[in-house]
Amino acid sequence: MSKPKLKIYQIYYKPEQRQLLDAGFEPLDNTENPRPDLQEWYIWDREYPKLKASDSLEHWGLFSWRFKEKTNLSSEQVYAFIQDNPDYDVYLFNSSILVECCYLNGW
């Protein structure tokens, strides 16, 4: 089985948060966000076109700097899960399963 071309970014908003990131994810600097009122949407709007257009990636993700705290999962566990479950279009790592249970759309 070949490894998927995959990159997961971990977003941070303050310089002191960078040291808390999982070294297995790519740090994504959002400290100079000109639209803090948009929170994650600003970085999504900025990065999505580049990631979607990338020929070198099959899968990509944007995770919170608090991902480990929220999910209790490491980057190794995330990458292993994706590798062990090939051929999906989307992999969802949701720290709030209640959202999935009560609403049709997790977004």
N, C-alpha and C. Protein backbone atom coordinates (compact mmCIF):
# COMPACT_ATOMS: atom_id res chain seq x y z
N MET A 1 0.85 -1.17 0.00
CA MET A 1 0.00 0.00 0.00
C MET A 1 0.90 1.25 0.00
N SER A 2 0.64 2.16 -0.92
CA SER A 2 1.45 3.38 -0.96
C SER A 2 0.92 4.41 0.05
N LYS A 3 1.84 5.20 0.53
CA LYS A 3 1.48 6.26 1.46
C LYS A 3 0.79 7.39 0.72
N PRO A 4 -0.31 7.90 1.28
CA PRO A 4 -0.96 9.03 0.61
C PRO A 4 -0.09 10.28 0.71
N LYS A 5 -0.20 11.15 -0.28
CA LYS A 5 0.49 12.42 -0.23
C LYS A 5 -0.36 13.33 0.65
N LEU A 6 0.12 13.54 1.86
CA LEU A 6 -0.70 14.13 2.91
C LEU A 6 0.09 15.17 3.69
N LYS A 7 -0.59 16.25 4.04
CA LYS A 7 0.03 17.26 4.90
C LYS A 7 -1.06 17.84 5.80
N ILE A 8 -0.78 17.85 7.09
CA ILE A 8 -1.71 18.43 8.05
C ILE A 8 -1.03 19.60 8.74
N TYR A 9 -1.71 20.72 8.69
CA TYR A 9 -1.20 21.94 9.29
C TYR A 9 -1.88 22.16 10.65
N GLN A 10 -1.11 22.70 11.57
CA GLN A 10 -1.65 23.05 12.87
C GLN A 10 -1.52 24.57 13.02
N ILE A 11 -2.67 25.22 13.13
CA ILE A 11 -2.73 26.68 13.14
C ILE A 11 -2.44 27.21 14.54
N TYR A 12 -1.64 28.27 14.59
CA TYR A 12 -1.45 28.96 15.87
C TYR A 12 -1.64 30.45 15.67
N TYR A 13 -2.12 31.12 16.73
CA TYR A 13 -2.54 32.51 16.66
C TYR A 13 -1.66 33.45 17.47
N LYS A 14 -0.88 32.89 18.36
CA LYS A 14 0.02 33.69 19.20
C LYS A 14 1.38 33.00 19.20
N PRO A 15 2.48 33.79 19.21
CA PRO A 15 3.81 33.18 19.16
C PRO A 15 4.03 32.12 20.25
N GLU A 16 3.49 32.32 21.43
CA GLU A 16 3.70 31.36 22.52
C GLU A 16 2.99 30.03 22.29
N GLN A 17 2.04 29.98 21.38
CA GLN A 17 1.34 28.73 21.08
C GLN A 17 2.18 27.80 20.22
N ARG A 18 3.12 28.34 19.47
CA ARG A 18 3.91 27.51 18.56
C ARG A 18 4.62 26.37 19.29
N GLN A 19 5.15 26.63 20.47
CA GLN A 19 5.86 25.59 21.21
C GLN A 19 4.94 24.47 21.68
N LEU A 20 3.63 24.68 21.63
CA LEU A 20 2.67 23.68 22.07
C LEU A 20 2.20 22.77 20.93
N LEU A 21 2.66 23.03 19.72
CA LEU A 21 2.20 22.26 18.56
C LEU A 21 2.84 20.87 18.53
N ASP A 22 2.15 19.96 17.89
CA ASP A 22 2.66 18.61 17.66
C ASP A 22 3.69 18.68 16.54
N ALA A 23 4.90 18.21 16.78
CA ALA A 23 5.98 18.30 15.80
C ALA A 23 5.69 17.51 14.52
N GLY A 24 4.72 16.59 14.56
CA GLY A 24 4.37 15.81 13.38
C GLY A 24 3.49 16.55 12.40
N PHE A 25 2.93 17.67 12.82
CA PHE A 25 2.12 18.51 11.93
C PHE A 25 2.94 19.71 11.48
N GLU A 26 2.56 20.31 10.38
CA GLU A 26 3.23 21.51 9.88
C GLU A 26 2.66 22.73 10.60
N PRO A 27 3.49 23.55 11.20
CA PRO A 27 2.97 24.77 11.84
C PRO A 27 2.45 25.75 10.78
N LEU A 28 1.33 26.38 11.07
CA LEU A 28 0.75 27.37 10.17
C LEU A 28 0.53 28.65 10.95
N ASP A 29 1.32 29.63 10.64
CA ASP A 29 1.35 30.89 11.38
C ASP A 29 0.15 31.77 11.01
N ASN A 30 -0.67 32.07 11.99
CA ASN A 30 -1.80 32.98 11.81
C ASN A 30 -1.69 34.14 12.79
N THR A 31 -0.46 34.49 13.19
CA THR A 31 -0.27 35.55 14.19
C THR A 31 -0.50 36.94 13.59
N GLU A 32 -0.40 37.06 12.28
CA GLU A 32 -0.57 38.37 11.64
C GLU A 32 -1.92 38.46 10.94
N ASN A 33 -2.92 37.82 11.48
CA ASN A 33 -4.25 37.80 10.90
C ASN A 33 -4.83 39.22 10.86
N PRO A 34 -5.05 39.79 9.66
CA PRO A 34 -5.61 41.13 9.58
C PRO A 34 -7.11 41.18 9.87
N ARG A 35 -7.74 40.00 9.96
CA ARG A 35 -9.18 39.93 10.23
C ARG A 35 -9.46 38.97 11.39
N PRO A 36 -9.03 39.32 12.60
CA PRO A 36 -9.26 38.42 13.74
C PRO A 36 -10.74 38.16 14.01
N ASP A 37 -11.59 39.05 13.54
CA ASP A 37 -13.03 38.85 13.71
C ASP A 37 -13.52 37.63 12.94
N LEU A 38 -12.78 37.24 11.91
CA LEU A 38 -13.16 36.06 11.12
C LEU A 38 -12.63 34.76 11.71
N GLN A 39 -11.79 34.83 12.71
CA GLN A 39 -11.20 33.68 13.38
C GLN A 39 -10.63 32.70 12.35
N GLU A 40 -11.06 31.45 12.34
CA GLU A 40 -10.50 30.44 11.44
C GLU A 40 -10.85 30.68 9.98
N TRP A 41 -11.92 31.41 9.69
CA TRP A 41 -12.33 31.60 8.30
C TRP A 41 -11.29 32.35 7.50
N TYR A 42 -10.60 33.28 8.13
CA TYR A 42 -9.58 34.02 7.40
C TYR A 42 -8.50 33.06 6.87
N ILE A 43 -8.01 32.21 7.73
CA ILE A 43 -6.94 31.30 7.31
C ILE A 43 -7.47 30.26 6.32
N TRP A 44 -8.71 29.83 6.50
CA TRP A 44 -9.32 28.90 5.55
C TRP A 44 -9.37 29.56 4.16
N ASP A 45 -9.88 30.78 4.09
CA ASP A 45 -9.98 31.48 2.82
C ASP A 45 -8.61 31.73 2.19
N ARG A 46 -7.61 31.94 3.02
CA ARG A 46 -6.26 32.19 2.53
C ARG A 46 -5.59 30.91 2.01
N GLU A 47 -5.76 29.81 2.71
CA GLU A 47 -5.03 28.57 2.39
C GLU A 47 -5.77 27.64 1.44
N TYR A 48 -7.09 27.61 1.48
CA TYR A 48 -7.84 26.64 0.69
C TYR A 48 -7.51 26.66 -0.80
N PRO A 49 -7.48 27.83 -1.45
CA PRO A 49 -7.16 27.81 -2.88
C PRO A 49 -5.78 27.21 -3.18
N LYS A 50 -4.81 27.49 -2.35
CA LYS A 50 -3.46 26.95 -2.56
C LYS A 50 -3.45 25.44 -2.37
N LEU A 51 -4.10 24.97 -1.31
CA LEU A 51 -4.11 23.53 -1.02
C LEU A 51 -4.90 22.76 -2.08
N LYS A 52 -6.02 23.29 -2.48
CA LYS A 52 -6.84 22.63 -3.50
C LYS A 52 -6.11 22.52 -4.83
N ALA A 53 -5.32 23.53 -5.16
CA ALA A 53 -4.60 23.55 -6.43
C ALA A 53 -3.32 22.72 -6.42
N SER A 54 -2.91 22.25 -5.27
CA SER A 54 -1.65 21.53 -5.16
C SER A 54 -1.73 20.16 -5.83
N ASP A 55 -0.80 19.91 -6.74
CA ASP A 55 -0.72 18.60 -7.38
C ASP A 55 0.03 17.60 -6.52
N SER A 56 0.75 18.11 -5.52
CA SER A 56 1.58 17.22 -4.70
C SER A 56 0.82 16.63 -3.51
N LEU A 57 -0.42 17.06 -3.30
CA LEU A 57 -1.18 16.56 -2.14
C LEU A 57 -2.45 15.85 -2.58
N GLU A 58 -2.71 14.71 -1.95
CA GLU A 58 -3.99 14.02 -2.13
C GLU A 58 -4.94 14.41 -1.00
N HIS A 59 -4.36 14.59 0.19
CA HIS A 59 -5.14 14.97 1.37
C HIS A 59 -4.38 16.05 2.12
N TRP A 60 -5.14 16.91 2.78
CA TRP A 60 -4.55 17.95 3.61
C TRP A 60 -5.55 18.29 4.71
N GLY A 61 -5.07 18.92 5.75
CA GLY A 61 -5.96 19.29 6.83
C GLY A 61 -5.45 20.51 7.58
N LEU A 62 -6.37 21.16 8.26
CA LEU A 62 -6.07 22.30 9.12
C LEU A 62 -6.60 21.98 10.51
N PHE A 63 -5.69 21.90 11.47
CA PHE A 63 -6.07 21.56 12.84
C PHE A 63 -5.77 22.73 13.77
N SER A 64 -6.49 22.77 14.84
CA SER A 64 -6.30 23.75 15.90
C SER A 64 -4.99 23.51 16.63
N TRP A 65 -4.42 24.56 17.18
CA TRP A 65 -3.23 24.41 18.02
C TRP A 65 -3.57 23.59 19.27
N ARG A 66 -4.84 23.47 19.58
CA ARG A 66 -5.29 22.70 20.75
C ARG A 66 -5.78 21.29 20.36
N PHE A 67 -5.40 20.81 19.19
CA PHE A 67 -5.89 19.52 18.69
C PHE A 67 -5.68 18.39 19.70
N LYS A 68 -4.49 18.26 20.26
CA LYS A 68 -4.19 17.19 21.22
C LYS A 68 -5.09 17.31 22.45
N GLU A 69 -5.23 18.53 22.93
CA GLU A 69 -6.08 18.77 24.10
C GLU A 69 -7.55 18.41 23.82
N LYS A 70 -8.01 18.71 22.63
CA LYS A 70 -9.40 18.49 22.27
C LYS A 70 -9.71 17.03 21.94
N THR A 71 -8.76 16.32 21.34
CA THR A 71 -9.04 14.97 20.83
C THR A 71 -8.28 13.86 21.54
N ASN A 72 -7.20 14.23 22.21
CA ASN A 72 -6.28 13.27 22.83
C ASN A 72 -5.62 12.36 21.79
N LEU A 73 -5.44 12.91 20.58
CA LEU A 73 -4.78 12.17 19.51
C LEU A 73 -3.46 12.86 19.15
N SER A 74 -2.46 12.06 18.83
CA SER A 74 -1.18 12.59 18.38
C SER A 74 -1.15 12.58 16.85
N SER A 75 -0.16 13.27 16.30
CA SER A 75 0.00 13.24 14.84
C SER A 75 0.25 11.82 14.35
N GLU A 76 1.01 11.04 15.11
CA GLU A 76 1.27 9.66 14.71
C GLU A 76 -0.02 8.86 14.61
N GLN A 77 -0.93 9.07 15.55
CA GLN A 77 -2.21 8.36 15.52
C GLN A 77 -3.05 8.80 14.32
N VAL A 78 -3.04 10.08 14.04
CA VAL A 78 -3.82 10.59 12.91
C VAL A 78 -3.29 10.02 11.60
N TYR A 79 -1.97 10.11 11.40
CA TYR A 79 -1.39 9.59 10.16
C TYR A 79 -1.59 8.08 10.04
N ALA A 80 -1.48 7.37 11.14
CA ALA A 80 -1.68 5.91 11.12
C ALA A 80 -3.13 5.57 10.76
N PHE A 81 -4.06 6.31 11.31
CA PHE A 81 -5.48 6.07 11.01
C PHE A 81 -5.74 6.27 9.51
N ILE A 82 -5.22 7.34 8.96
CA ILE A 82 -5.42 7.62 7.54
C ILE A 82 -4.77 6.53 6.69
N GLN A 83 -3.55 6.15 7.03
CA GLN A 83 -2.85 5.10 6.29
C GLN A 83 -3.58 3.76 6.38
N ASP A 84 -4.14 3.45 7.55
CA ASP A 84 -4.84 2.18 7.75
C ASP A 84 -6.23 2.16 7.15
N ASN A 85 -6.72 3.31 6.73
CA ASN A 85 -8.06 3.42 6.15
C ASN A 85 -7.99 4.19 4.83
N PRO A 86 -7.38 3.58 3.82
CA PRO A 86 -7.16 4.29 2.55
C PRO A 86 -8.44 4.48 1.75
N ASP A 87 -8.34 5.31 0.73
CA ASP A 87 -9.37 5.46 -0.29
C ASP A 87 -10.62 6.21 0.15
N TYR A 88 -10.49 7.05 1.15
CA TYR A 88 -11.59 7.93 1.52
C TYR A 88 -11.29 9.34 1.03
N ASP A 89 -12.34 10.08 0.75
CA ASP A 89 -12.16 11.47 0.32
C ASP A 89 -11.94 12.40 1.51
N VAL A 90 -12.58 12.09 2.63
CA VAL A 90 -12.55 12.95 3.81
C VAL A 90 -12.29 12.11 5.04
N TYR A 91 -11.46 12.62 5.92
CA TYR A 91 -11.21 12.03 7.23
C TYR A 91 -11.57 13.10 8.25
N LEU A 92 -12.51 12.79 9.12
CA LEU A 92 -13.00 13.77 10.09
C LEU A 92 -12.54 13.38 11.48
N PHE A 93 -11.83 14.28 12.13
CA PHE A 93 -11.38 14.08 13.50
C PHE A 93 -12.12 15.12 14.34
N ASN A 94 -13.23 14.69 14.92
CA ASN A 94 -14.13 15.61 15.58
C ASN A 94 -14.07 15.43 17.09
N SER A 95 -13.77 16.51 17.77
CA SER A 95 -13.70 16.45 19.23
C SER A 95 -15.06 16.62 19.88
N SER A 96 -16.07 16.91 19.09
CA SER A 96 -17.41 17.13 19.63
C SER A 96 -18.41 16.27 18.88
N ILE A 97 -18.48 15.02 19.25
CA ILE A 97 -19.36 14.08 18.55
C ILE A 97 -20.82 14.47 18.67
N LEU A 98 -21.16 15.27 19.69
CA LEU A 98 -22.52 15.74 19.85
C LEU A 98 -22.99 16.49 18.60
N VAL A 99 -22.10 17.23 17.99
CA VAL A 99 -22.45 17.96 16.77
C VAL A 99 -22.89 16.97 15.69
N GLU A 100 -22.17 15.88 15.54
CA GLU A 100 -22.52 14.88 14.53
C GLU A 100 -23.84 14.19 14.85
N CYS A 101 -24.12 14.00 16.12
CA CYS A 101 -25.35 13.31 16.53
C CYS A 101 -26.59 14.15 16.34
N CYS A 102 -26.46 15.44 16.52
CA CYS A 102 -27.65 16.32 16.55
C CYS A 102 -27.90 17.12 15.29
N TYR A 103 -26.91 17.22 14.41
CA TYR A 103 -27.04 18.06 13.23
C TYR A 103 -26.63 17.29 11.98
N LEU A 104 -27.27 17.61 10.87
CA LEU A 104 -26.97 16.93 9.61
C LEU A 104 -25.62 17.33 9.05
N ASN A 105 -25.13 18.52 9.38
CA ASN A 105 -23.90 19.02 8.83
C ASN A 105 -22.94 19.38 9.96
N GLY A 106 -21.74 18.76 9.98
CA GLY A 106 -20.77 18.99 11.03
C GLY A 106 -20.15 20.36 11.00
N TRP A 107 -20.31 21.11 9.91
CA TRP A 107 -19.74 22.45 9.81
C TRP A 107 -20.63 23.41 10.54
